[in-house]
């Protein structure tokens, strides 16, 4: 498992959610991360999911 970082923001820059999520690989992180973001209700908020090296996996403005 690898630890990915999810962060959701308000337009003002206020952090709404900042969590570590574990996924076995990048493809799973992308698909399951998108599902989890939708479930949490942050799909229309500015958000990002980055891998352990800091590479953007998902990003929405």
N, C-alpha and C. Protein backbone atom coordinates (compact mmCIF):
# COMPACT_ATOMS: atom_id res chain seq x y z
N UNK A 1 0.84 -1.19 0.00
CA UNK A 1 0.00 0.00 0.00
C UNK A 1 0.88 1.24 0.00
N UNK A 2 0.39 2.26 -0.69
CA UNK A 2 1.06 3.55 -0.71
C UNK A 2 0.10 4.59 -0.13
N UNK A 3 0.65 5.60 0.51
CA UNK A 3 -0.17 6.64 1.11
C UNK A 3 -0.25 7.85 0.18
N UNK A 4 -1.47 8.20 -0.19
CA UNK A 4 -1.78 9.35 -1.04
C UNK A 4 -2.39 10.42 -0.16
N UNK A 5 -2.26 11.68 -0.57
CA UNK A 5 -2.77 12.80 0.23
C UNK A 5 -3.90 13.46 -0.51
N UNK A 6 -5.06 13.57 0.15
CA UNK A 6 -6.23 14.26 -0.41
C UNK A 6 -6.43 15.56 0.35
N UNK A 7 -6.65 16.64 -0.39
CA UNK A 7 -6.94 17.94 0.22
C UNK A 7 -8.05 18.61 -0.59
N UNK A 8 -9.05 19.14 0.12
CA UNK A 8 -10.14 19.89 -0.52
C UNK A 8 -10.12 21.30 0.07
N UNK A 9 -10.38 22.30 -0.79
CA UNK A 9 -10.29 23.71 -0.41
C UNK A 9 -11.55 24.47 -0.79
N UNK A 10 -11.80 25.55 -0.05
CA UNK A 10 -12.77 26.56 -0.48
C UNK A 10 -12.03 27.49 -1.43
N UNK A 11 -12.77 28.27 -2.21
CA UNK A 11 -12.15 29.24 -3.13
C UNK A 11 -11.26 30.24 -2.38
N UNK A 12 -11.61 30.49 -1.11
CA UNK A 12 -10.83 31.42 -0.28
C UNK A 12 -9.48 30.86 0.14
N UNK A 13 -9.29 29.54 -0.07
CA UNK A 13 -8.05 28.89 0.35
C UNK A 13 -8.20 28.11 1.64
N UNK A 14 -9.34 28.25 2.31
CA UNK A 14 -9.59 27.50 3.54
C UNK A 14 -9.59 26.01 3.25
N UNK A 15 -8.88 25.25 4.06
CA UNK A 15 -8.83 23.80 3.89
C UNK A 15 -10.07 23.17 4.51
N UNK A 16 -10.81 22.42 3.69
CA UNK A 16 -12.01 21.74 4.15
C UNK A 16 -11.70 20.34 4.66
N UNK A 17 -10.78 19.67 4.00
CA UNK A 17 -10.44 18.29 4.36
C UNK A 17 -9.00 18.04 3.94
N UNK A 18 -8.24 17.40 4.81
CA UNK A 18 -6.85 17.05 4.52
C UNK A 18 -6.62 15.68 5.16
N UNK A 19 -6.56 14.64 4.32
CA UNK A 19 -6.46 13.28 4.82
C UNK A 19 -5.44 12.47 4.04
N UNK A 20 -4.93 11.43 4.70
CA UNK A 20 -4.07 10.45 4.04
C UNK A 20 -4.94 9.25 3.70
N UNK A 21 -4.86 8.81 2.43
CA UNK A 21 -5.61 7.65 1.96
C UNK A 21 -4.62 6.62 1.44
N UNK A 22 -4.85 5.36 1.74
CA UNK A 22 -3.97 4.29 1.28
C UNK A 22 -4.59 3.53 0.11
N UNK A 23 -3.80 3.35 -0.93
CA UNK A 23 -4.19 2.60 -2.11
C UNK A 23 -3.01 1.73 -2.55
N UNK A 24 -3.28 0.59 -3.19
CA UNK A 24 -2.18 -0.29 -3.59
C UNK A 24 -1.37 0.23 -4.78
N UNK A 25 -2.00 1.04 -5.67
CA UNK A 25 -1.29 1.54 -6.84
C UNK A 25 -1.98 2.80 -7.37
N UNK A 26 -1.34 3.44 -8.32
CA UNK A 26 -1.84 4.73 -8.84
C UNK A 26 -3.18 4.59 -9.56
N UNK A 27 -3.37 3.53 -10.33
CA UNK A 27 -4.63 3.34 -11.05
C UNK A 27 -5.80 3.19 -10.08
N UNK A 28 -5.59 2.44 -9.02
CA UNK A 28 -6.62 2.27 -7.99
C UNK A 28 -6.85 3.58 -7.27
N UNK A 29 -5.78 4.32 -6.98
CA UNK A 29 -5.91 5.61 -6.31
C UNK A 29 -6.78 6.55 -7.14
N UNK A 30 -6.56 6.55 -8.44
CA UNK A 30 -7.31 7.45 -9.33
C UNK A 30 -8.80 7.07 -9.36
N UNK A 31 -9.11 5.80 -9.55
CA UNK A 31 -10.50 5.39 -9.66
C UNK A 31 -11.23 5.42 -8.31
N UNK A 32 -10.65 4.81 -7.30
CA UNK A 32 -11.30 4.78 -5.99
C UNK A 32 -11.25 6.14 -5.31
N UNK A 33 -10.21 6.90 -5.57
CA UNK A 33 -10.13 8.26 -5.03
C UNK A 33 -11.24 9.13 -5.57
N UNK A 34 -11.51 9.05 -6.86
CA UNK A 34 -12.60 9.82 -7.47
C UNK A 34 -13.94 9.44 -6.87
N UNK A 35 -14.16 8.15 -6.63
CA UNK A 35 -15.40 7.68 -6.01
C UNK A 35 -15.53 8.23 -4.59
N UNK A 36 -14.44 8.17 -3.84
CA UNK A 36 -14.46 8.64 -2.46
C UNK A 36 -14.71 10.15 -2.39
N UNK A 37 -14.11 10.90 -3.30
CA UNK A 37 -14.32 12.35 -3.35
C UNK A 37 -15.79 12.66 -3.61
N UNK A 38 -16.40 11.91 -4.51
CA UNK A 38 -17.82 12.07 -4.83
C UNK A 38 -18.68 11.76 -3.60
N UNK A 39 -18.38 10.65 -2.92
CA UNK A 39 -19.12 10.26 -1.72
C UNK A 39 -19.03 11.31 -0.61
N UNK A 40 -17.86 11.91 -0.47
CA UNK A 40 -17.65 12.93 0.57
C UNK A 40 -18.29 14.28 0.20
N UNK A 41 -18.70 14.44 -1.06
CA UNK A 41 -19.34 15.68 -1.49
C UNK A 41 -18.37 16.78 -1.88
N UNK A 42 -17.15 16.43 -2.21
CA UNK A 42 -16.15 17.43 -2.57
C UNK A 42 -15.85 17.49 -4.07
N UNK A 43 -16.63 16.81 -4.88
CA UNK A 43 -16.31 16.75 -6.31
C UNK A 43 -16.38 18.10 -7.01
N UNK A 44 -17.19 19.02 -6.51
CA UNK A 44 -17.30 20.35 -7.11
C UNK A 44 -16.47 21.41 -6.38
N UNK A 45 -15.78 21.00 -5.34
CA UNK A 45 -14.87 21.90 -4.63
C UNK A 45 -13.47 21.75 -5.24
N UNK A 46 -12.64 22.74 -5.04
CA UNK A 46 -11.24 22.63 -5.45
C UNK A 46 -10.61 21.53 -4.61
N UNK A 47 -9.99 20.55 -5.27
CA UNK A 47 -9.37 19.45 -4.54
C UNK A 47 -8.20 18.87 -5.33
N UNK A 48 -7.40 18.08 -4.60
CA UNK A 48 -6.27 17.40 -5.24
C UNK A 48 -6.00 16.09 -4.50
N UNK A 49 -5.48 15.15 -5.24
CA UNK A 49 -5.00 13.89 -4.68
C UNK A 49 -3.59 13.70 -5.24
N UNK A 50 -2.62 13.58 -4.34
CA UNK A 50 -1.22 13.44 -4.77
C UNK A 50 -0.64 12.12 -4.28
N UNK A 51 0.31 11.59 -5.06
CA UNK A 51 0.95 10.34 -4.69
C UNK A 51 2.05 10.60 -3.66
N UNK A 52 2.70 9.55 -3.15
CA UNK A 52 3.74 9.74 -2.12
C UNK A 52 4.91 10.62 -2.56
N UNK A 53 5.13 10.74 -3.88
CA UNK A 53 6.22 11.58 -4.37
C UNK A 53 5.75 13.01 -4.67
N UNK A 54 4.47 13.30 -4.47
CA UNK A 54 3.94 14.64 -4.69
C UNK A 54 3.34 14.87 -6.07
N UNK A 55 3.26 13.82 -6.90
CA UNK A 55 2.70 13.94 -8.24
C UNK A 55 1.17 14.00 -8.16
N UNK A 56 0.57 14.95 -8.90
CA UNK A 56 -0.88 15.07 -8.91
C UNK A 56 -1.51 13.86 -9.60
N UNK A 57 -2.46 13.25 -8.93
CA UNK A 57 -3.21 12.13 -9.50
C UNK A 57 -4.58 12.62 -9.95
N UNK A 58 -5.23 13.40 -9.09
CA UNK A 58 -6.52 14.03 -9.40
C UNK A 58 -6.44 15.49 -9.00
N UNK A 59 -7.08 16.35 -9.79
CA UNK A 59 -7.07 17.78 -9.48
C UNK A 59 -8.32 18.40 -10.07
N UNK A 60 -8.97 19.26 -9.31
CA UNK A 60 -10.15 19.98 -9.80
C UNK A 60 -10.14 21.39 -9.23
N UNK A 61 -10.40 22.38 -10.08
CA UNK A 61 -10.45 23.78 -9.64
C UNK A 61 -11.89 24.21 -9.61
